[in-house]
Amino acid sequence: MIVEEIMNTNVETLKPEDTIESAIKLLRDKKIRHIPIVNNQSELIGIVSDRDVKDGTPSIFQKEKADQELQNQLKLIMKTDVITGHPLDFVEEVAALFYEHNISCLPIIKEKKLIGIITETDLLHTLIQLTGAHQPGSQIEVKVPNRAGILYEVAGIIREHNANIHSVLVYPDKHDDSYKILVFRVKTMNPLGVVEHLKKEGYTVLWPNMPGVSS
């Protein structure tokens, strides 16, 4: 899946000459947490978050000073070192950027123009869709040798039970790099038959750990 499939294209923006007060109003009215700052050519030059706005305004108990500060321009508080993405980037790559740089939104740029934005919420919704977690079914975790063809073999056993596979995740075993963990989301509410078959074939089923199923 690529970024342009999940990005928000209706992006609320402001100019660097706009005031902090206008940013507060936009954040509140649109229920958003980030505002990209663009120039007259729709080129991204900065970004302002709700935290930036909060840090850039004094306490409400200093009303006279607060009123003055609210009229300051956004260019005084915006961040200009902005990490951006491209619409043809893979969603996995974007998720890595969020993780590595501890960011909560990513403006999307094409030919120097701001064309979209992705937030943590967008990534969460996408993860749910990709894993099939929002669909009825069961999760099966299997510890397998880290060798070629193993995924095909395990999926074949699941296929024999006519259980449709919603998604597959693969991650390394934390204790032994000669093994890996396969996580299947399958369209069945009773995976007992699949689990029993997997164990008879010698696979270690980590979940569900069903009492009474042969190991």
N, C-alpha and C. Protein backbone atom coordinates (compact mmCIF):
# COMPACT_ATOMS: atom_id res chain seq x y z
N MET A 1 0.85 -1.19 0.00
CA MET A 1 0.00 0.00 0.00
C MET A 1 0.89 1.25 0.00
N ILE A 2 0.50 2.23 -0.80
CA ILE A 2 1.29 3.46 -0.88
C ILE A 2 0.56 4.62 -0.21
N VAL A 3 1.31 5.68 0.05
CA VAL A 3 0.82 6.79 0.84
C VAL A 3 -0.40 7.47 0.24
N GLU A 4 -0.44 7.64 -1.08
CA GLU A 4 -1.54 8.37 -1.67
C GLU A 4 -2.89 7.69 -1.47
N GLU A 5 -2.87 6.41 -1.09
CA GLU A 5 -4.11 5.69 -0.85
C GLU A 5 -4.71 6.01 0.51
N ILE A 6 -3.93 6.52 1.44
CA ILE A 6 -4.44 6.76 2.79
C ILE A 6 -4.30 8.20 3.26
N MET A 7 -3.57 9.04 2.52
CA MET A 7 -3.33 10.41 2.99
C MET A 7 -4.60 11.26 2.91
N ASN A 8 -4.67 12.25 3.79
CA ASN A 8 -5.74 13.24 3.73
C ASN A 8 -5.35 14.34 2.75
N THR A 9 -6.17 14.57 1.77
CA THR A 9 -5.85 15.58 0.76
C THR A 9 -6.51 16.93 1.05
N ASN A 10 -7.48 16.94 1.94
CA ASN A 10 -8.13 18.20 2.32
C ASN A 10 -7.39 18.78 3.52
N VAL A 11 -6.26 19.39 3.24
CA VAL A 11 -5.35 19.84 4.29
C VAL A 11 -5.62 21.30 4.67
N GLU A 12 -5.81 21.52 5.95
CA GLU A 12 -5.97 22.89 6.47
C GLU A 12 -4.59 23.52 6.63
N THR A 13 -4.38 24.68 6.03
CA THR A 13 -3.07 25.34 6.08
C THR A 13 -3.22 26.80 6.49
N LEU A 14 -2.11 27.37 6.89
CA LEU A 14 -2.05 28.81 7.15
C LEU A 14 -0.77 29.36 6.55
N LYS A 15 -0.65 30.67 6.51
CA LYS A 15 0.54 31.35 6.00
C LYS A 15 1.41 31.78 7.18
N PRO A 16 2.69 32.00 6.95
CA PRO A 16 3.59 32.40 8.06
C PRO A 16 3.20 33.75 8.67
N GLU A 17 2.48 34.58 7.91
CA GLU A 17 2.07 35.89 8.40
C GLU A 17 0.79 35.83 9.23
N ASP A 18 0.11 34.68 9.20
CA ASP A 18 -1.10 34.55 10.03
C ASP A 18 -0.73 34.55 11.50
N THR A 19 -1.71 34.84 12.33
CA THR A 19 -1.45 35.00 13.76
C THR A 19 -1.62 33.69 14.54
N ILE A 20 -1.04 33.69 15.73
CA ILE A 20 -1.23 32.55 16.63
C ILE A 20 -2.71 32.39 16.96
N GLU A 21 -3.41 33.49 17.09
CA GLU A 21 -4.85 33.43 17.37
C GLU A 21 -5.59 32.69 16.27
N SER A 22 -5.24 32.94 15.03
CA SER A 22 -5.91 32.24 13.92
C SER A 22 -5.61 30.75 13.94
N ALA A 23 -4.40 30.39 14.37
CA ALA A 23 -4.03 28.98 14.47
C ALA A 23 -4.85 28.29 15.57
N ILE A 24 -5.00 28.96 16.70
CA ILE A 24 -5.80 28.40 17.80
C ILE A 24 -7.22 28.14 17.35
N LYS A 25 -7.78 29.09 16.62
CA LYS A 25 -9.17 28.95 16.13
C LYS A 25 -9.29 27.79 15.15
N LEU A 26 -8.31 27.68 14.26
CA LEU A 26 -8.35 26.60 13.26
C LEU A 26 -8.20 25.23 13.92
N LEU A 27 -7.28 25.13 14.86
CA LEU A 27 -7.08 23.87 15.58
C LEU A 27 -8.36 23.45 16.31
N ARG A 28 -9.01 24.43 16.91
CA ARG A 28 -10.23 24.14 17.68
C ARG A 28 -11.41 23.80 16.76
N ASP A 29 -11.61 24.61 15.72
CA ASP A 29 -12.78 24.43 14.85
C ASP A 29 -12.70 23.14 14.03
N LYS A 30 -11.51 22.80 13.58
CA LYS A 30 -11.35 21.62 12.71
C LYS A 30 -10.96 20.37 13.50
N LYS A 31 -10.75 20.54 14.81
CA LYS A 31 -10.37 19.41 15.68
C LYS A 31 -9.13 18.68 15.14
N ILE A 32 -8.10 19.46 14.84
CA ILE A 32 -6.84 18.92 14.34
C ILE A 32 -5.72 19.30 15.30
N ARG A 33 -4.55 18.69 15.11
CA ARG A 33 -3.43 18.94 16.02
C ARG A 33 -2.23 19.57 15.32
N HIS A 34 -2.25 19.62 13.99
CA HIS A 34 -1.11 20.16 13.23
C HIS A 34 -1.61 21.02 12.08
N ILE A 35 -0.89 22.09 11.83
CA ILE A 35 -1.22 22.97 10.72
C ILE A 35 0.04 23.19 9.88
N PRO A 36 0.09 22.69 8.64
CA PRO A 36 1.20 23.00 7.75
C PRO A 36 1.17 24.49 7.38
N ILE A 37 2.34 25.09 7.33
CA ILE A 37 2.47 26.50 6.95
C ILE A 37 3.04 26.56 5.54
N VAL A 38 2.33 27.24 4.64
CA VAL A 38 2.73 27.27 3.23
C VAL A 38 2.89 28.72 2.76
N ASN A 39 3.62 28.86 1.64
CA ASN A 39 3.73 30.18 1.03
C ASN A 39 2.66 30.33 -0.06
N ASN A 40 2.74 31.38 -0.83
CA ASN A 40 1.72 31.65 -1.86
C ASN A 40 1.74 30.65 -2.99
N GLN A 41 2.80 29.85 -3.10
CA GLN A 41 2.91 28.82 -4.14
C GLN A 41 2.53 27.43 -3.61
N SER A 42 1.93 27.39 -2.45
CA SER A 42 1.53 26.13 -1.80
C SER A 42 2.72 25.25 -1.48
N GLU A 43 3.88 25.86 -1.30
CA GLU A 43 5.07 25.12 -0.91
C GLU A 43 5.18 25.11 0.62
N LEU A 44 5.49 23.95 1.17
CA LEU A 44 5.60 23.82 2.61
C LEU A 44 6.85 24.53 3.12
N ILE A 45 6.67 25.39 4.12
CA ILE A 45 7.83 26.08 4.69
C ILE A 45 7.92 25.87 6.20
N GLY A 46 6.91 25.22 6.78
CA GLY A 46 6.95 24.98 8.21
C GLY A 46 5.71 24.24 8.68
N ILE A 47 5.67 24.00 9.97
CA ILE A 47 4.49 23.34 10.55
C ILE A 47 4.32 23.82 11.98
N VAL A 48 3.07 23.93 12.41
CA VAL A 48 2.74 24.36 13.76
C VAL A 48 1.84 23.31 14.39
N SER A 49 2.14 22.90 15.60
CA SER A 49 1.33 21.93 16.31
C SER A 49 0.59 22.61 17.45
N ASP A 50 -0.36 21.89 18.03
CA ASP A 50 -1.06 22.45 19.18
C ASP A 50 -0.10 22.71 20.33
N ARG A 51 0.95 21.89 20.43
CA ARG A 51 1.97 22.11 21.47
C ARG A 51 2.75 23.40 21.21
N ASP A 52 3.09 23.66 19.95
CA ASP A 52 3.80 24.90 19.61
C ASP A 52 2.97 26.12 20.00
N VAL A 53 1.68 26.04 19.71
CA VAL A 53 0.78 27.15 20.04
C VAL A 53 0.70 27.35 21.55
N LYS A 54 0.60 26.25 22.26
CA LYS A 54 0.52 26.34 23.72
C LYS A 54 1.80 26.93 24.31
N ASP A 55 2.95 26.48 23.77
CA ASP A 55 4.23 27.00 24.27
C ASP A 55 4.45 28.45 23.86
N GLY A 56 3.80 28.88 22.79
CA GLY A 56 4.03 30.22 22.26
C GLY A 56 3.11 31.28 22.83
N THR A 57 2.23 30.89 23.75
CA THR A 57 1.31 31.85 24.35
C THR A 57 1.46 31.83 25.87
N PRO A 58 1.35 32.99 26.50
CA PRO A 58 1.50 33.06 27.95
C PRO A 58 0.26 32.56 28.67
N SER A 59 0.32 32.50 29.97
CA SER A 59 -0.78 32.04 30.81
C SER A 59 -1.99 32.96 30.66
N ILE A 60 -3.18 32.38 30.83
CA ILE A 60 -4.41 33.17 30.76
C ILE A 60 -4.49 34.18 31.91
N PHE A 61 -3.67 33.97 32.93
CA PHE A 61 -3.67 34.90 34.06
C PHE A 61 -2.87 36.17 33.73
N GLN A 62 -2.19 36.17 32.60
CA GLN A 62 -1.50 37.37 32.12
C GLN A 62 -2.25 37.88 30.90
N LYS A 63 -3.49 38.32 31.11
CA LYS A 63 -4.40 38.60 30.01
C LYS A 63 -3.87 39.64 29.03
N GLU A 64 -3.33 40.75 29.54
CA GLU A 64 -2.86 41.80 28.64
C GLU A 64 -1.73 41.30 27.76
N LYS A 65 -0.79 40.58 28.38
CA LYS A 65 0.33 40.03 27.61
C LYS A 65 -0.17 38.96 26.65
N ALA A 66 -1.14 38.16 27.10
CA ALA A 66 -1.68 37.08 26.26
C ALA A 66 -2.31 37.64 25.00
N ASP A 67 -3.09 38.73 25.16
CA ASP A 67 -3.75 39.35 24.01
C ASP A 67 -2.72 39.82 22.98
N GLN A 68 -1.60 40.33 23.45
CA GLN A 68 -0.55 40.79 22.55
C GLN A 68 0.13 39.61 21.86
N GLU A 69 0.43 38.58 22.64
CA GLU A 69 1.12 37.42 22.08
C GLU A 69 0.28 36.72 21.02
N LEU A 70 -1.03 36.72 21.19
CA LEU A 70 -1.90 36.04 20.23
C LEU A 70 -1.84 36.67 18.85
N GLN A 71 -1.38 37.91 18.78
CA GLN A 71 -1.27 38.59 17.49
C GLN A 71 0.09 38.38 16.82
N ASN A 72 0.98 37.66 17.48
CA ASN A 72 2.27 37.34 16.87
C ASN A 72 2.07 36.45 15.65
N GLN A 73 2.97 36.57 14.69
CA GLN A 73 2.86 35.77 13.47
C GLN A 73 3.39 34.35 13.70
N LEU A 74 2.85 33.44 12.94
CA LEU A 74 3.21 32.03 13.10
C LEU A 74 4.67 31.76 12.75
N LYS A 75 5.26 32.60 11.94
CA LYS A 75 6.66 32.37 11.57
C LYS A 75 7.59 32.45 12.79
N LEU A 76 7.09 33.02 13.87
CA LEU A 76 7.90 33.12 15.08
C LEU A 76 7.92 31.82 15.86
N ILE A 77 6.93 30.97 15.68
CA ILE A 77 6.85 29.74 16.47
C ILE A 77 6.87 28.47 15.62
N MET A 78 6.72 28.58 14.31
CA MET A 78 6.64 27.37 13.48
C MET A 78 7.98 26.65 13.40
N LYS A 79 7.92 25.35 13.23
CA LYS A 79 9.12 24.55 13.01
C LYS A 79 9.38 24.48 11.51
N THR A 80 10.62 24.72 11.13
CA THR A 80 10.95 24.74 9.70
C THR A 80 11.70 23.49 9.24
N ASP A 81 12.23 22.74 10.19
CA ASP A 81 12.93 21.50 9.84
C ASP A 81 11.90 20.36 9.83
N VAL A 82 11.14 20.29 8.72
CA VAL A 82 10.00 19.39 8.66
C VAL A 82 10.33 18.13 7.86
N ILE A 83 10.06 16.98 8.44
CA ILE A 83 10.20 15.70 7.74
C ILE A 83 8.98 15.51 6.86
N THR A 84 9.18 15.15 5.60
CA THR A 84 8.08 15.02 4.66
C THR A 84 8.12 13.67 3.96
N GLY A 85 7.02 13.34 3.30
CA GLY A 85 6.93 12.11 2.52
C GLY A 85 6.47 12.41 1.11
N HIS A 86 6.45 11.35 0.28
CA HIS A 86 6.02 11.46 -1.11
C HIS A 86 4.81 10.55 -1.30
N PRO A 87 3.86 10.89 -2.17
CA PRO A 87 2.65 10.07 -2.33
C PRO A 87 2.92 8.64 -2.77
N LEU A 88 4.08 8.37 -3.36
CA LEU A 88 4.39 7.02 -3.81
C LEU A 88 5.25 6.25 -2.81
N ASP A 89 5.50 6.83 -1.66
CA ASP A 89 6.19 6.09 -0.60
C ASP A 89 5.30 4.95 -0.11
N PHE A 90 5.92 3.88 0.36
CA PHE A 90 5.15 2.78 0.95
C PHE A 90 4.75 3.15 2.38
N VAL A 91 3.58 2.71 2.78
CA VAL A 91 3.08 3.00 4.12
C VAL A 91 4.04 2.47 5.18
N GLU A 92 4.67 1.31 4.93
CA GLU A 92 5.63 0.76 5.88
C GLU A 92 6.81 1.70 6.10
N GLU A 93 7.26 2.35 5.03
CA GLU A 93 8.37 3.29 5.15
C GLU A 93 7.97 4.51 5.97
N VAL A 94 6.74 4.96 5.75
CA VAL A 94 6.22 6.10 6.51
C VAL A 94 6.11 5.76 7.99
N ALA A 95 5.62 4.57 8.28
CA ALA A 95 5.50 4.14 9.68
C ALA A 95 6.87 4.13 10.34
N ALA A 96 7.91 3.73 9.60
CA ALA A 96 9.26 3.73 10.14
C ALA A 96 9.73 5.15 10.46
N LEU A 97 9.34 6.13 9.62
CA LEU A 97 9.69 7.52 9.88
C LEU A 97 9.04 8.01 11.17
N PHE A 98 7.77 7.67 11.37
CA PHE A 98 7.07 8.04 12.60
C PHE A 98 7.81 7.47 13.81
N TYR A 99 8.24 6.24 13.69
CA TYR A 99 8.90 5.55 14.81
C TYR A 99 10.29 6.13 15.07
N GLU A 100 11.08 6.29 14.01
CA GLU A 100 12.47 6.72 14.16
C GLU A 100 12.58 8.16 14.63
N HIS A 101 11.69 9.02 14.15
CA HIS A 101 11.79 10.45 14.46
C HIS A 101 10.80 10.92 15.51
N ASN A 102 9.98 9.98 16.02
CA ASN A 102 9.01 10.30 17.06
C ASN A 102 8.12 11.48 16.66
N ILE A 103 7.57 11.39 15.46
CA ILE A 103 6.67 12.44 14.96
C ILE A 103 5.24 11.94 14.99
N SER A 104 4.30 12.85 14.88
CA SER A 104 2.88 12.46 14.93
C SER A 104 2.12 12.87 13.68
N CYS A 105 2.81 13.49 12.72
CA CYS A 105 2.19 13.77 11.42
C CYS A 105 3.28 13.89 10.36
N LEU A 106 2.90 13.69 9.11
CA LEU A 106 3.87 13.74 8.01
C LEU A 106 3.23 14.44 6.81
N PRO A 107 3.66 15.67 6.50
CA PRO A 107 3.16 16.33 5.28
C PRO A 107 3.66 15.58 4.04
N ILE A 108 2.83 15.51 3.03
CA ILE A 108 3.16 14.80 1.79
C ILE A 108 3.37 15.82 0.68
N ILE A 109 4.54 15.71 0.05
CA ILE A 109 4.96 16.71 -0.94
C ILE A 109 5.13 16.06 -2.31
N LYS A 110 4.67 16.77 -3.34
CA LYS A 110 4.90 16.34 -4.72
C LYS A 110 5.24 17.57 -5.56
N GLU A 111 6.38 17.51 -6.21
CA GLU A 111 6.87 18.64 -7.02
C GLU A 111 6.87 19.93 -6.20
N LYS A 112 7.35 19.82 -4.99
CA LYS A 112 7.52 20.92 -4.04
C LYS A 112 6.21 21.45 -3.47
N LYS A 113 5.08 20.90 -3.89
CA LYS A 113 3.78 21.37 -3.42
C LYS A 113 3.24 20.44 -2.32
N LEU A 114 2.58 21.03 -1.34
CA LEU A 114 1.90 20.25 -0.31
C LEU A 114 0.61 19.70 -0.89
N ILE A 115 0.48 18.36 -0.91
CA ILE A 115 -0.73 17.76 -1.50
C ILE A 115 -1.50 16.89 -0.50
N GLY A 116 -0.95 16.67 0.69
CA GLY A 116 -1.65 15.82 1.65
C GLY A 116 -0.92 15.78 2.97
N ILE A 117 -1.51 15.01 3.90
CA ILE A 117 -0.89 14.85 5.21
C ILE A 117 -1.34 13.50 5.78
N ILE A 118 -0.45 12.88 6.55
CA ILE A 118 -0.76 11.63 7.25
C ILE A 118 -0.51 11.83 8.72
N THR A 119 -1.43 11.33 9.54
CA THR A 119 -1.30 11.44 10.99
C THR A 119 -1.17 10.05 11.62
N GLU A 120 -0.88 10.03 12.90
CA GLU A 120 -0.82 8.76 13.63
C GLU A 120 -2.14 8.00 13.53
N THR A 121 -3.24 8.72 13.56
CA THR A 121 -4.55 8.09 13.46
C THR A 121 -4.73 7.40 12.12
N ASP A 122 -4.26 8.03 11.05
CA ASP A 122 -4.35 7.41 9.72
C ASP A 122 -3.57 6.10 9.68
N LEU A 123 -2.39 6.10 10.29
CA LEU A 123 -1.57 4.88 10.32
C LEU A 123 -2.24 3.78 11.13
N LEU A 124 -2.86 4.17 12.26
CA LEU A 124 -3.54 3.19 13.09
C LEU A 124 -4.71 2.55 12.34
N HIS A 125 -5.51 3.36 11.67
CA HIS A 125 -6.63 2.84 10.90
C HIS A 125 -6.14 1.92 9.79
N THR A 126 -5.03 2.30 9.15
CA THR A 126 -4.48 1.47 8.07
C THR A 126 -3.99 0.13 8.61
N LEU A 127 -3.32 0.16 9.77
CA LEU A 127 -2.84 -1.08 10.38
C LEU A 127 -4.00 -2.02 10.68
N ILE A 128 -5.08 -1.48 11.20
CA ILE A 128 -6.25 -2.30 11.50
C ILE A 128 -6.81 -2.93 10.23
N GLN A 129 -6.85 -2.16 9.15
CA GLN A 129 -7.36 -2.68 7.88
C GLN A 129 -6.43 -3.75 7.31
N LEU A 130 -5.12 -3.50 7.37
CA LEU A 130 -4.16 -4.45 6.80
C LEU A 130 -4.13 -5.76 7.56
N THR A 131 -4.33 -5.70 8.86
CA THR A 131 -4.28 -6.93 9.67
C THR A 131 -5.63 -7.62 9.77
N GLY A 132 -6.69 -6.95 9.32
CA GLY A 132 -8.01 -7.55 9.42
C GLY A 132 -8.54 -7.61 10.83
N ALA A 133 -7.97 -6.80 11.74
CA ALA A 133 -8.37 -6.86 13.14
C ALA A 133 -9.81 -6.41 13.36
N HIS A 134 -10.37 -5.65 12.40
CA HIS A 134 -11.75 -5.17 12.54
C HIS A 134 -12.76 -6.19 12.02
N GLN A 135 -12.29 -7.31 11.47
CA GLN A 135 -13.18 -8.33 10.94
C GLN A 135 -13.26 -9.50 11.92
N PRO A 136 -14.43 -10.17 11.96
CA PRO A 136 -14.56 -11.33 12.85
C PRO A 136 -13.61 -12.44 12.44
N GLY A 137 -13.00 -13.08 13.41
CA GLY A 137 -12.06 -14.15 13.10
C GLY A 137 -11.21 -14.49 14.30
N SER A 138 -10.13 -15.23 14.05
CA SER A 138 -9.24 -15.68 15.13
C SER A 138 -7.79 -15.40 14.75
N GLN A 139 -6.96 -15.34 15.77
CA GLN A 139 -5.52 -15.15 15.56
C GLN A 139 -4.78 -16.42 15.93
N ILE A 140 -3.85 -16.82 15.07
CA ILE A 140 -3.03 -18.01 15.32
C ILE A 140 -1.57 -17.60 15.20
N GLU A 141 -0.78 -17.87 16.24
CA GLU A 141 0.65 -17.57 16.22
C GLU A 141 1.43 -18.88 16.23
N VAL A 142 2.34 -18.99 15.27
CA VAL A 142 3.09 -20.23 15.11
C VAL A 142 4.58 -19.93 15.08
N LYS A 143 5.35 -20.65 15.91
CA LYS A 143 6.81 -20.54 15.89
C LYS A 143 7.36 -21.54 14.90
N VAL A 144 8.13 -21.06 13.93
CA VAL A 144 8.61 -21.92 12.84
C VAL A 144 10.10 -21.70 12.60
N PRO A 145 10.77 -22.66 11.97
CA PRO A 145 12.17 -22.46 11.59
C PRO A 145 12.29 -21.32 10.58
N ASN A 146 13.35 -20.57 10.68
CA ASN A 146 13.56 -19.44 9.78
C ASN A 146 14.21 -19.93 8.48
N ARG A 147 13.37 -20.50 7.61
CA ARG A 147 13.88 -21.01 6.33
C ARG A 147 12.88 -20.73 5.22
N ALA A 148 13.37 -20.78 4.00
CA ALA A 148 12.53 -20.49 2.83
C ALA A 148 11.41 -21.52 2.70
N GLY A 149 10.22 -21.05 2.31
CA GLY A 149 9.11 -21.94 2.05
C GLY A 149 8.24 -22.27 3.23
N ILE A 150 8.65 -21.87 4.43
CA ILE A 150 7.91 -22.25 5.63
C ILE A 150 6.54 -21.59 5.68
N LEU A 151 6.44 -20.36 5.21
CA LEU A 151 5.16 -19.67 5.21
C LEU A 151 4.15 -20.40 4.32
N TYR A 152 4.61 -20.84 3.16
CA TYR A 152 3.76 -21.57 2.23
C TYR A 152 3.25 -22.88 2.87
N GLU A 153 4.12 -23.54 3.60
CA GLU A 153 3.74 -24.81 4.23
C GLU A 153 2.66 -24.62 5.29
N VAL A 154 2.85 -23.63 6.15
CA VAL A 154 1.89 -23.40 7.23
C VAL A 154 0.56 -22.90 6.65
N ALA A 155 0.65 -22.00 5.67
CA ALA A 155 -0.58 -21.49 5.04
C ALA A 155 -1.34 -22.62 4.36
N GLY A 156 -0.61 -23.61 3.85
CA GLY A 156 -1.25 -24.76 3.22
C GLY A 156 -2.11 -25.55 4.18
N ILE A 157 -1.63 -25.69 5.41
CA ILE A 157 -2.40 -26.41 6.44
C ILE A 157 -3.68 -25.63 6.76
N ILE A 158 -3.55 -24.33 6.89
CA ILE A 158 -4.74 -23.51 7.15
C ILE A 158 -5.73 -23.61 5.99
N ARG A 159 -5.19 -23.62 4.78
CA ARG A 159 -6.03 -23.71 3.59
C ARG A 159 -6.81 -25.02 3.56
N GLU A 160 -6.21 -26.11 4.04
CA GLU A 160 -6.89 -27.40 4.07
C GLU A 160 -8.15 -27.37 4.92
N HIS A 161 -8.22 -26.44 5.86
CA HIS A 161 -9.39 -26.34 6.73
C HIS A 161 -10.37 -25.27 6.23
N ASN A 162 -10.14 -24.81 5.00
CA ASN A 162 -11.03 -23.82 4.36
C ASN A 162 -11.18 -22.55 5.20
N ALA A 163 -10.12 -22.19 5.89
CA ALA A 163 -10.12 -20.96 6.69
C ALA A 163 -9.44 -19.85 5.89
N ASN A 164 -10.20 -18.86 5.51
CA ASN A 164 -9.66 -17.76 4.73
C ASN A 164 -8.70 -16.92 5.58
N ILE A 165 -7.52 -16.61 5.03
CA ILE A 165 -6.51 -15.83 5.75
C ILE A 165 -6.71 -14.34 5.47
N HIS A 166 -7.02 -13.57 6.52
CA HIS A 166 -7.16 -12.12 6.38
C HIS A 166 -5.80 -11.44 6.21
N SER A 167 -4.83 -11.86 7.02
CA SER A 167 -3.52 -11.21 6.98
C SER A 167 -2.47 -12.11 7.62
N VAL A 168 -1.20 -11.81 7.31
CA VAL A 168 -0.07 -12.53 7.89
C VAL A 168 0.99 -11.52 8.32
N LEU A 169 1.45 -11.63 9.55
CA LEU A 169 2.58 -10.84 10.03
C LEU A 169 3.71 -11.78 10.39
N VAL A 170 4.93 -11.32 10.15
CA VAL A 170 6.10 -12.13 10.43
C VAL A 170 7.08 -11.30 11.27
N TYR A 171 7.55 -11.87 12.38
CA TYR A 171 8.57 -11.17 13.15
C TYR A 171 9.54 -12.19 13.76
N PRO A 172 10.77 -11.78 14.03
CA PRO A 172 11.78 -12.73 14.52
C PRO A 172 11.51 -13.17 15.95
N ASP A 173 11.95 -14.38 16.25
CA ASP A 173 11.90 -14.86 17.63
C ASP A 173 12.95 -14.09 18.43
N LYS A 174 12.54 -13.53 19.56
CA LYS A 174 13.44 -12.70 20.36
C LYS A 174 14.58 -13.49 20.97
N HIS A 175 14.39 -14.79 21.14
CA HIS A 175 15.37 -15.60 21.87
C HIS A 175 16.25 -16.46 20.96
N ASP A 176 15.82 -16.64 19.71
CA ASP A 176 16.57 -17.53 18.81
C ASP A 176 16.32 -17.09 17.37
N ASP A 177 17.37 -16.51 16.74
CA ASP A 177 17.18 -15.98 15.39
C ASP A 177 17.08 -17.07 14.32
N SER A 178 17.17 -18.33 14.73
CA SER A 178 16.96 -19.41 13.77
C SER A 178 15.47 -19.75 13.65
N TYR A 179 14.65 -19.03 14.41
CA TYR A 179 13.20 -19.20 14.34
C TYR A 179 12.54 -17.84 14.08
N LYS A 180 11.31 -17.89 13.61
CA LYS A 180 10.51 -16.69 13.47
C LYS A 180 9.07 -17.01 13.86
N ILE A 181 8.28 -15.96 14.08
CA ILE A 181 6.90 -16.12 14.49
C ILE A 181 5.98 -15.68 13.35
N LEU A 182 5.07 -16.55 12.96
CA LEU A 182 4.05 -16.22 11.97
C LEU A 182 2.74 -15.94 12.69
N VAL A 183 2.15 -14.81 12.40
CA VAL A 183 0.88 -14.44 13.02
C VAL A 183 -0.19 -14.37 11.94
N PHE A 184 -1.13 -15.30 11.98
CA PHE A 184 -2.21 -15.36 11.00
C PHE A 184 -3.49 -14.82 11.61
N ARG A 185 -4.19 -14.00 10.85
CA ARG A 185 -5.56 -13.61 11.19
C ARG A 185 -6.46 -14.36 10.23
N VAL A 186 -7.25 -15.30 10.74
CA VAL A 186 -8.03 -16.19 9.88
C VAL A 186 -9.52 -16.00 10.11
N LYS A 187 -10.29 -16.24 9.04
CA LYS A 187 -11.74 -16.04 9.10
C LYS A 187 -12.42 -17.29 9.62
N THR A 188 -12.24 -17.54 10.89
CA THR A 188 -12.94 -18.62 11.58
C THR A 188 -13.00 -18.29 13.05
N MET A 189 -14.13 -18.56 13.67
CA MET A 189 -14.27 -18.28 15.10
C MET A 189 -13.80 -19.47 15.95
N ASN A 190 -13.58 -20.62 15.30
CA ASN A 190 -13.12 -21.81 16.03
C ASN A 190 -11.91 -22.40 15.33
N PRO A 191 -10.70 -21.99 15.74
CA PRO A 191 -9.48 -22.46 15.08
C PRO A 191 -8.96 -23.79 15.62
N LEU A 192 -9.77 -24.50 16.42
CA LEU A 192 -9.31 -25.71 17.08
C LEU A 192 -8.75 -26.74 16.11
N GLY A 193 -9.47 -26.96 14.99
CA GLY A 193 -9.01 -27.94 14.02
C GLY A 193 -7.68 -27.56 13.40
N VAL A 194 -7.50 -26.28 13.09
CA VAL A 194 -6.25 -25.80 12.51
C VAL A 194 -5.10 -25.97 13.50
N VAL A 195 -5.36 -25.59 14.74
CA VAL A 195 -4.33 -25.68 15.78
C VAL A 195 -3.89 -27.12 15.98
N GLU A 196 -4.85 -28.02 16.05
CA GLU A 196 -4.53 -29.43 16.25
C GLU A 196 -3.71 -29.98 15.08
N HIS A 197 -4.08 -29.61 13.87
CA HIS A 197 -3.36 -30.06 12.68
C HIS A 197 -1.92 -29.54 12.68
N LEU A 198 -1.76 -28.27 13.02
CA LEU A 198 -0.42 -27.67 13.06
C LEU A 198 0.47 -28.39 14.06
N LYS A 199 -0.08 -28.70 15.22
CA LYS A 199 0.70 -29.38 16.26
C LYS A 199 1.06 -30.81 15.83
N LYS A 200 0.14 -31.49 15.14
CA LYS A 200 0.43 -32.84 14.66
C LYS A 200 1.55 -32.84 13.63
N GLU A 201 1.67 -31.73 12.90
CA GLU A 201 2.74 -31.61 11.91
C GLU A 201 4.05 -31.16 12.54
N GLY A 202 4.06 -30.98 13.85
CA GLY A 202 5.29 -30.65 14.56
C GLY A 202 5.55 -29.17 14.77
N TYR A 203 4.57 -28.32 14.45
CA TYR A 203 4.76 -26.88 14.64
C TYR A 203 4.40 -26.48 16.08
N THR A 204 5.09 -25.46 16.58
CA THR A 204 4.82 -24.94 17.91
C THR A 204 3.81 -23.81 17.80
N VAL A 205 2.60 -24.04 18.31
CA VAL A 205 1.56 -23.02 18.28
C VAL A 205 1.62 -22.23 19.58
N LEU A 206 1.93 -20.95 19.47
CA LEU A 206 2.05 -20.09 20.65
C LEU A 206 0.68 -19.56 21.09
N TRP A 207 -0.20 -19.36 20.11
CA TRP A 207 -1.55 -18.88 20.40
C TRP A 207 -2.50 -19.34 19.31
N PRO A 208 -3.69 -19.80 19.67
CA PRO A 208 -4.17 -19.98 21.04
C PRO A 208 -3.58 -21.23 21.68
N ASN A 209 -3.30 -21.13 22.96
CA ASN A 209 -2.75 -22.27 23.71
C ASN A 209 -3.92 -23.03 24.32
N MET A 210 -4.42 -24.00 23.57
CA MET A 210 -5.66 -24.68 23.95
C MET A 210 -5.39 -25.95 24.74
N PRO A 211 -5.88 -26.02 25.97
CA PRO A 211 -5.72 -27.24 26.76
C PRO A 211 -6.42 -28.42 26.08
N GLY A 212 -5.80 -29.56 26.11
CA GLY A 212 -6.42 -30.74 25.55
C GLY A 212 -6.10 -30.98 24.10
N VAL A 213 -5.44 -29.98 23.43
CA VAL A 213 -5.04 -30.17 22.05
C VAL A 213 -3.68 -30.81 22.02
N SER A 214 -3.53 -31.85 21.24
CA SER A 214 -2.26 -32.60 21.21
C SER A 214 -1.12 -31.71 20.79
N SER A 215 0.04 -31.92 21.38
CA SER A 215 1.20 -31.09 21.08
C SER A 215 2.28 -31.93 20.40
